[in-house]
Amino acid sequence: MKPGAILETALYVTDLDAARAFYSGVLGLDEYSASPPRQIFYTCGNQMLLLFNADETVKPPRDASLPVPPHGAHGPGHVCFRAGPDEIDRWRMRLMDHGIEIEADFTWPGGGRSIYFRDPSGNSLEFAEPALWGLN
């Protein structure tokens, strides 16, 4: 047996309000649910992007019916969003229009272009062509 896909990805943030403004306002993700000060969940295609306040997720759950073990991380994480060549150009312009610095913009030796930028908590985010991994 092996997993068929990734269902959810988690990033840890320091400020949920700033994260909401960025992920909803700049990236346009649809909010699925929120439980401040602990978390905001977003849909991204057929996957979920979970944003957690790391200082809150290290605490044991308050609701015994949801026994999610404590977890968390500090420091920059990374998520790469899939985008086609034309979409990358549009994302680059949108991010720049919002005053977000593009840290890198290049084409990988094996093919596929990426752009890198940061969210308000310092997480490294990327838009990349699937060709980067030999995918369609």
N, C-alpha and C. Protein backbone atom coordinates (compact mmCIF):
# COMPACT_ATOMS: atom_id res chain seq x y z
N MET A 1 0.85 -1.19 0.00
CA MET A 1 0.00 0.00 0.00
C MET A 1 0.88 1.24 0.00
N LYS A 2 0.34 2.32 -0.57
CA LYS A 2 1.00 3.62 -0.51
C LYS A 2 -0.06 4.70 -0.60
N PRO A 3 0.21 5.88 -0.02
CA PRO A 3 -0.77 6.96 -0.09
C PRO A 3 -1.03 7.36 -1.54
N GLY A 4 -2.29 7.74 -1.83
CA GLY A 4 -2.66 8.14 -3.18
C GLY A 4 -2.50 9.61 -3.47
N ALA A 5 -2.48 10.43 -2.43
CA ALA A 5 -2.35 11.88 -2.62
C ALA A 5 -2.17 12.53 -1.25
N ILE A 6 -1.79 13.77 -1.27
CA ILE A 6 -1.73 14.55 -0.03
C ILE A 6 -3.07 15.25 0.12
N LEU A 7 -3.70 15.06 1.25
CA LEU A 7 -5.01 15.64 1.52
C LEU A 7 -4.90 17.04 2.10
N GLU A 8 -3.94 17.22 3.00
CA GLU A 8 -3.79 18.52 3.64
C GLU A 8 -2.32 18.83 3.86
N THR A 9 -2.01 20.11 3.86
CA THR A 9 -0.68 20.61 4.14
C THR A 9 -0.83 21.67 5.21
N ALA A 10 0.11 21.69 6.16
CA ALA A 10 0.03 22.66 7.26
C ALA A 10 1.23 23.60 7.23
N LEU A 11 0.95 24.86 7.50
CA LEU A 11 1.97 25.87 7.75
C LEU A 11 1.68 26.45 9.12
N TYR A 12 2.72 26.93 9.77
CA TYR A 12 2.58 27.55 11.09
C TYR A 12 2.84 29.04 10.93
N VAL A 13 1.91 29.83 11.48
CA VAL A 13 1.97 31.28 11.34
C VAL A 13 2.01 31.94 12.72
N THR A 14 2.44 33.18 12.72
CA THR A 14 2.55 33.92 13.99
C THR A 14 1.38 34.88 14.21
N ASP A 15 0.67 35.22 13.15
CA ASP A 15 -0.42 36.20 13.25
C ASP A 15 -1.55 35.76 12.33
N LEU A 16 -2.64 35.25 12.92
CA LEU A 16 -3.75 34.75 12.10
C LEU A 16 -4.43 35.85 11.29
N ASP A 17 -4.53 37.06 11.83
CA ASP A 17 -5.16 38.16 11.08
C ASP A 17 -4.35 38.50 9.83
N ALA A 18 -3.03 38.59 9.98
CA ALA A 18 -2.17 38.87 8.82
C ALA A 18 -2.21 37.71 7.84
N ALA A 19 -2.26 36.49 8.36
CA ALA A 19 -2.35 35.32 7.48
C ALA A 19 -3.66 35.34 6.69
N ARG A 20 -4.76 35.66 7.35
CA ARG A 20 -6.06 35.73 6.67
C ARG A 20 -6.03 36.78 5.56
N ALA A 21 -5.49 37.95 5.86
CA ALA A 21 -5.42 39.01 4.86
C ALA A 21 -4.60 38.56 3.65
N PHE A 22 -3.53 37.85 3.89
CA PHE A 22 -2.66 37.40 2.82
C PHE A 22 -3.28 36.25 2.02
N TYR A 23 -3.66 35.18 2.71
CA TYR A 23 -4.13 33.98 2.01
C TYR A 23 -5.51 34.19 1.38
N SER A 24 -6.38 34.96 2.02
CA SER A 24 -7.69 35.27 1.43
C SER A 24 -7.58 36.41 0.44
N GLY A 25 -6.96 37.51 0.86
CA GLY A 25 -6.94 38.73 0.06
C GLY A 25 -5.98 38.70 -1.11
N VAL A 26 -4.74 38.25 -0.89
CA VAL A 26 -3.74 38.26 -1.95
C VAL A 26 -3.83 36.99 -2.79
N LEU A 27 -3.83 35.83 -2.14
CA LEU A 27 -3.85 34.58 -2.89
C LEU A 27 -5.26 34.15 -3.30
N GLY A 28 -6.29 34.72 -2.68
CA GLY A 28 -7.66 34.44 -3.09
C GLY A 28 -8.18 33.07 -2.69
N LEU A 29 -7.56 32.43 -1.71
CA LEU A 29 -8.04 31.12 -1.28
C LEU A 29 -9.37 31.26 -0.53
N ASP A 30 -10.19 30.25 -0.64
CA ASP A 30 -11.49 30.24 0.03
C ASP A 30 -11.34 29.65 1.43
N GLU A 31 -11.77 30.43 2.41
CA GLU A 31 -11.71 29.97 3.80
C GLU A 31 -12.74 28.88 4.03
N TYR A 32 -12.30 27.79 4.60
CA TYR A 32 -13.18 26.66 4.91
C TYR A 32 -13.71 26.79 6.34
N SER A 33 -12.82 27.08 7.27
CA SER A 33 -13.22 27.29 8.66
C SER A 33 -12.11 28.01 9.40
N ALA A 34 -12.48 28.59 10.53
CA ALA A 34 -11.51 29.29 11.37
C ALA A 34 -11.89 29.13 12.82
N SER A 35 -10.87 28.99 13.66
CA SER A 35 -11.05 28.92 15.10
C SER A 35 -9.94 29.73 15.75
N PRO A 36 -10.05 31.07 15.69
CA PRO A 36 -9.02 31.90 16.31
C PRO A 36 -8.99 31.65 17.81
N PRO A 37 -7.87 31.72 18.44
CA PRO A 37 -6.56 32.10 17.89
C PRO A 37 -5.74 30.92 17.39
N ARG A 38 -6.37 29.77 17.19
CA ARG A 38 -5.64 28.54 16.87
C ARG A 38 -5.39 28.31 15.39
N GLN A 39 -6.40 28.52 14.53
CA GLN A 39 -6.25 28.03 13.16
C GLN A 39 -7.20 28.68 12.17
N ILE A 40 -6.79 28.61 10.90
CA ILE A 40 -7.63 28.94 9.75
C ILE A 40 -7.36 27.85 8.72
N PHE A 41 -8.43 27.31 8.14
CA PHE A 41 -8.29 26.28 7.12
C PHE A 41 -8.81 26.83 5.79
N TYR A 42 -8.09 26.51 4.70
CA TYR A 42 -8.46 26.95 3.36
C TYR A 42 -8.58 25.76 2.43
N THR A 43 -9.48 25.88 1.45
CA THR A 43 -9.50 24.92 0.36
C THR A 43 -8.56 25.42 -0.73
N CYS A 44 -7.87 24.48 -1.36
CA CYS A 44 -6.96 24.79 -2.46
C CYS A 44 -7.08 23.65 -3.46
N GLY A 45 -7.92 23.85 -4.46
CA GLY A 45 -8.22 22.75 -5.38
C GLY A 45 -8.94 21.66 -4.62
N ASN A 46 -8.45 20.44 -4.72
CA ASN A 46 -9.07 19.33 -3.99
C ASN A 46 -8.24 18.96 -2.75
N GLN A 47 -7.52 19.95 -2.24
CA GLN A 47 -6.70 19.76 -1.04
C GLN A 47 -7.00 20.88 -0.05
N MET A 48 -6.47 20.71 1.15
CA MET A 48 -6.66 21.70 2.21
C MET A 48 -5.31 22.28 2.60
N LEU A 49 -5.30 23.59 2.84
CA LEU A 49 -4.13 24.27 3.40
C LEU A 49 -4.53 24.70 4.80
N LEU A 50 -3.84 24.17 5.79
CA LEU A 50 -4.14 24.45 7.19
C LEU A 50 -3.10 25.41 7.73
N LEU A 51 -3.57 26.52 8.29
CA LEU A 51 -2.68 27.48 8.93
C LEU A 51 -2.91 27.42 10.42
N PHE A 52 -1.85 27.12 11.16
CA PHE A 52 -1.94 27.00 12.61
C PHE A 52 -1.05 28.03 13.30
N ASN A 53 -1.55 28.55 14.39
CA ASN A 53 -0.72 29.33 15.31
C ASN A 53 0.05 28.31 16.14
N ALA A 54 1.35 28.22 15.93
CA ALA A 54 2.16 27.18 16.58
C ALA A 54 2.11 27.27 18.10
N ASP A 55 1.96 28.47 18.64
CA ASP A 55 1.89 28.61 20.10
C ASP A 55 0.61 28.01 20.66
N GLU A 56 -0.42 27.91 19.85
CA GLU A 56 -1.70 27.33 20.28
C GLU A 56 -1.77 25.82 20.04
N THR A 57 -1.15 25.33 18.96
CA THR A 57 -1.29 23.91 18.64
C THR A 57 -0.41 23.01 19.50
N VAL A 58 0.52 23.58 20.26
CA VAL A 58 1.32 22.75 21.17
C VAL A 58 0.54 22.44 22.45
N LYS A 59 -0.58 23.12 22.65
CA LYS A 59 -1.41 22.89 23.82
C LYS A 59 -2.32 21.68 23.57
N PRO A 60 -2.59 20.87 24.59
CA PRO A 60 -3.51 19.73 24.42
C PRO A 60 -4.88 20.23 23.98
N PRO A 61 -5.62 19.40 23.24
CA PRO A 61 -6.94 19.81 22.76
C PRO A 61 -7.91 20.08 23.92
N ARG A 62 -8.74 21.11 23.73
CA ARG A 62 -9.75 21.45 24.74
C ARG A 62 -10.95 20.52 24.68
N ASP A 63 -11.22 20.02 23.48
CA ASP A 63 -12.39 19.18 23.25
C ASP A 63 -11.93 17.72 23.14
N ALA A 64 -12.25 16.92 24.14
CA ALA A 64 -11.81 15.52 24.17
C ALA A 64 -12.38 14.70 23.01
N SER A 65 -13.47 15.18 22.39
CA SER A 65 -14.03 14.43 21.27
C SER A 65 -13.20 14.62 19.99
N LEU A 66 -12.26 15.57 20.00
CA LEU A 66 -11.35 15.80 18.87
C LEU A 66 -9.91 15.63 19.37
N PRO A 67 -9.46 14.41 19.56
CA PRO A 67 -8.16 14.15 20.20
C PRO A 67 -6.95 14.31 19.27
N VAL A 68 -6.85 15.44 18.59
CA VAL A 68 -5.70 15.70 17.73
C VAL A 68 -4.49 15.95 18.62
N PRO A 69 -3.42 15.19 18.44
CA PRO A 69 -2.24 15.38 19.28
C PRO A 69 -1.64 16.78 19.10
N PRO A 70 -1.04 17.32 20.15
CA PRO A 70 -0.36 18.61 20.01
C PRO A 70 0.73 18.53 18.93
N HIS A 71 0.92 19.61 18.21
CA HIS A 71 1.94 19.68 17.16
C HIS A 71 2.31 21.14 16.96
N GLY A 72 3.33 21.37 16.17
CA GLY A 72 3.73 22.73 15.88
C GLY A 72 5.16 22.80 15.41
N ALA A 73 5.49 23.93 14.81
CA ALA A 73 6.84 24.17 14.33
C ALA A 73 7.07 25.67 14.36
N HIS A 74 8.31 26.04 14.52
CA HIS A 74 8.69 27.46 14.46
C HIS A 74 9.74 27.60 13.37
N GLY A 75 9.69 28.70 12.69
CA GLY A 75 10.61 28.93 11.58
C GLY A 75 9.88 28.74 10.28
N PRO A 76 10.49 29.17 9.19
CA PRO A 76 9.82 29.15 7.90
C PRO A 76 9.58 27.75 7.37
N GLY A 77 8.33 27.51 6.96
CA GLY A 77 7.97 26.30 6.25
C GLY A 77 7.94 26.61 4.75
N HIS A 78 7.48 25.64 3.98
CA HIS A 78 7.45 25.83 2.52
C HIS A 78 6.25 25.11 1.93
N VAL A 79 5.57 25.77 1.01
CA VAL A 79 4.51 25.18 0.21
C VAL A 79 4.69 25.68 -1.21
N CYS A 80 4.50 24.77 -2.16
CA CYS A 80 4.55 25.14 -3.57
C CYS A 80 3.16 24.94 -4.17
N PHE A 81 2.65 25.99 -4.81
CA PHE A 81 1.36 25.92 -5.49
C PHE A 81 1.61 25.65 -6.98
N ARG A 82 0.80 24.78 -7.56
CA ARG A 82 0.89 24.44 -8.98
C ARG A 82 0.39 25.62 -9.82
N ALA A 83 1.11 25.94 -10.89
CA ALA A 83 0.70 27.00 -11.80
C ALA A 83 1.30 26.76 -13.18
N GLY A 84 0.55 27.13 -14.20
CA GLY A 84 1.05 27.04 -15.57
C GLY A 84 1.92 28.25 -15.89
N PRO A 85 2.60 28.22 -17.03
CA PRO A 85 3.51 29.32 -17.40
C PRO A 85 2.84 30.70 -17.42
N ASP A 86 1.67 30.81 -18.02
CA ASP A 86 0.98 32.10 -18.06
C ASP A 86 0.51 32.52 -16.67
N GLU A 87 0.08 31.55 -15.87
CA GLU A 87 -0.36 31.85 -14.51
C GLU A 87 0.80 32.39 -13.66
N ILE A 88 1.98 31.84 -13.84
CA ILE A 88 3.13 32.32 -13.07
C ILE A 88 3.38 33.79 -13.35
N ASP A 89 3.31 34.18 -14.62
CA ASP A 89 3.48 35.60 -14.96
C ASP A 89 2.41 36.46 -14.29
N ARG A 90 1.16 35.99 -14.30
CA ARG A 90 0.08 36.76 -13.67
C ARG A 90 0.26 36.81 -12.15
N TRP A 91 0.66 35.69 -11.54
CA TRP A 91 0.91 35.69 -10.09
C TRP A 91 2.05 36.64 -9.74
N ARG A 92 3.09 36.64 -10.56
CA ARG A 92 4.22 37.53 -10.30
C ARG A 92 3.74 38.98 -10.25
N MET A 93 2.95 39.37 -11.23
CA MET A 93 2.43 40.75 -11.28
C MET A 93 1.50 41.02 -10.09
N ARG A 94 0.62 40.09 -9.76
CA ARG A 94 -0.30 40.29 -8.63
C ARG A 94 0.47 40.46 -7.33
N LEU A 95 1.45 39.61 -7.10
CA LEU A 95 2.24 39.72 -5.88
C LEU A 95 2.97 41.06 -5.82
N MET A 96 3.58 41.44 -6.91
CA MET A 96 4.29 42.73 -6.95
C MET A 96 3.33 43.89 -6.74
N ASP A 97 2.12 43.79 -7.30
CA ASP A 97 1.11 44.84 -7.10
C ASP A 97 0.73 44.98 -5.63
N HIS A 98 0.86 43.90 -4.86
CA HIS A 98 0.58 43.92 -3.42
C HIS A 98 1.84 44.21 -2.60
N GLY A 99 2.92 44.58 -3.26
CA GLY A 99 4.15 44.93 -2.57
C GLY A 99 4.92 43.73 -2.02
N ILE A 100 4.67 42.57 -2.58
CA ILE A 100 5.33 41.35 -2.10
C ILE A 100 6.54 41.09 -2.97
N GLU A 101 7.69 40.97 -2.33
CA GLU A 101 8.95 40.76 -3.03
C GLU A 101 9.02 39.35 -3.62
N ILE A 102 9.45 39.28 -4.86
CA ILE A 102 9.74 38.00 -5.49
C ILE A 102 11.21 37.71 -5.18
N GLU A 103 11.45 36.66 -4.40
CA GLU A 103 12.82 36.35 -3.98
C GLU A 103 13.62 35.64 -5.07
N ALA A 104 12.94 34.85 -5.89
CA ALA A 104 13.61 34.14 -6.98
C ALA A 104 12.60 33.87 -8.08
N ASP A 105 13.09 33.90 -9.31
CA ASP A 105 12.28 33.62 -10.50
C ASP A 105 13.23 32.96 -11.48
N PHE A 106 13.08 31.67 -11.68
CA PHE A 106 14.01 30.97 -12.56
C PHE A 106 13.39 29.71 -13.14
N THR A 107 14.05 29.20 -14.16
CA THR A 107 13.66 27.94 -14.78
C THR A 107 14.65 26.87 -14.33
N TRP A 108 14.10 25.75 -13.86
CA TRP A 108 14.91 24.65 -13.35
C TRP A 108 15.65 23.97 -14.50
N PRO A 109 16.84 23.40 -14.24
CA PRO A 109 17.61 22.74 -15.31
C PRO A 109 16.82 21.63 -16.03
N GLY A 110 15.97 20.91 -15.31
CA GLY A 110 15.18 19.84 -15.94
C GLY A 110 13.88 20.32 -16.55
N GLY A 111 13.59 21.63 -16.43
CA GLY A 111 12.36 22.21 -16.97
C GLY A 111 11.43 22.65 -15.87
N GLY A 112 10.59 23.59 -16.16
CA GLY A 112 9.64 24.13 -15.19
C GLY A 112 10.18 25.38 -14.52
N ARG A 113 9.35 26.38 -14.47
CA ARG A 113 9.70 27.66 -13.87
C ARG A 113 9.08 27.78 -12.49
N SER A 114 9.78 28.48 -11.60
CA SER A 114 9.30 28.74 -10.24
C SER A 114 9.49 30.21 -9.89
N ILE A 115 8.57 30.72 -9.06
CA ILE A 115 8.80 31.99 -8.38
C ILE A 115 8.62 31.73 -6.88
N TYR A 116 9.45 32.39 -6.09
CA TYR A 116 9.42 32.25 -4.64
C TYR A 116 9.13 33.59 -3.99
N PHE A 117 8.37 33.55 -2.89
CA PHE A 117 8.02 34.75 -2.13
C PHE A 117 7.70 34.30 -0.72
N ARG A 118 7.40 35.25 0.17
CA ARG A 118 7.14 34.94 1.59
C ARG A 118 5.75 35.40 2.01
N ASP A 119 5.17 34.66 2.95
CA ASP A 119 3.93 35.12 3.58
C ASP A 119 4.30 36.02 4.77
N PRO A 120 3.32 36.63 5.44
CA PRO A 120 3.64 37.55 6.54
C PRO A 120 4.39 36.90 7.71
N SER A 121 4.32 35.58 7.85
CA SER A 121 5.04 34.89 8.93
C SER A 121 6.42 34.42 8.49
N GLY A 122 6.80 34.68 7.25
CA GLY A 122 8.12 34.29 6.76
C GLY A 122 8.17 32.94 6.09
N ASN A 123 7.02 32.27 5.94
CA ASN A 123 7.01 30.99 5.23
C ASN A 123 7.38 31.22 3.77
N SER A 124 8.16 30.30 3.22
CA SER A 124 8.58 30.36 1.83
C SER A 124 7.49 29.73 0.96
N LEU A 125 6.94 30.51 0.06
CA LEU A 125 5.89 30.04 -0.84
C LEU A 125 6.42 30.07 -2.26
N GLU A 126 5.85 29.21 -3.08
CA GLU A 126 6.33 29.07 -4.45
C GLU A 126 5.14 28.80 -5.37
N PHE A 127 5.20 29.36 -6.56
CA PHE A 127 4.35 28.93 -7.66
C PHE A 127 5.29 28.27 -8.65
N ALA A 128 4.94 27.07 -9.11
CA ALA A 128 5.82 26.35 -10.03
C ALA A 128 5.01 25.56 -11.04
N GLU A 129 5.64 25.38 -12.19
CA GLU A 129 5.07 24.53 -13.22
C GLU A 129 5.25 23.06 -12.82
N PRO A 130 4.25 22.23 -13.07
CA PRO A 130 4.37 20.81 -12.74
C PRO A 130 5.55 20.12 -13.43
N ALA A 131 6.01 20.68 -14.55
CA ALA A 131 7.15 20.11 -15.28
C ALA A 131 8.40 20.04 -14.39
N LEU A 132 8.43 20.84 -13.36
CA LEU A 132 9.52 20.81 -12.40
C LEU A 132 9.76 19.40 -11.88
N TRP A 133 8.68 18.66 -11.70
CA TRP A 133 8.76 17.28 -11.19
C TRP A 133 8.44 16.26 -12.29
N GLY A 134 8.43 16.69 -13.54
CA GLY A 134 8.12 15.78 -14.63
C GLY A 134 6.66 15.40 -14.69
N LEU A 135 5.80 16.28 -14.13
CA LEU A 135 4.35 16.04 -14.10
C LEU A 135 3.68 16.91 -15.16
N ASN A 136 2.46 16.55 -15.48
CA ASN A 136 1.66 17.35 -16.42
C ASN A 136 0.87 18.38 -15.67
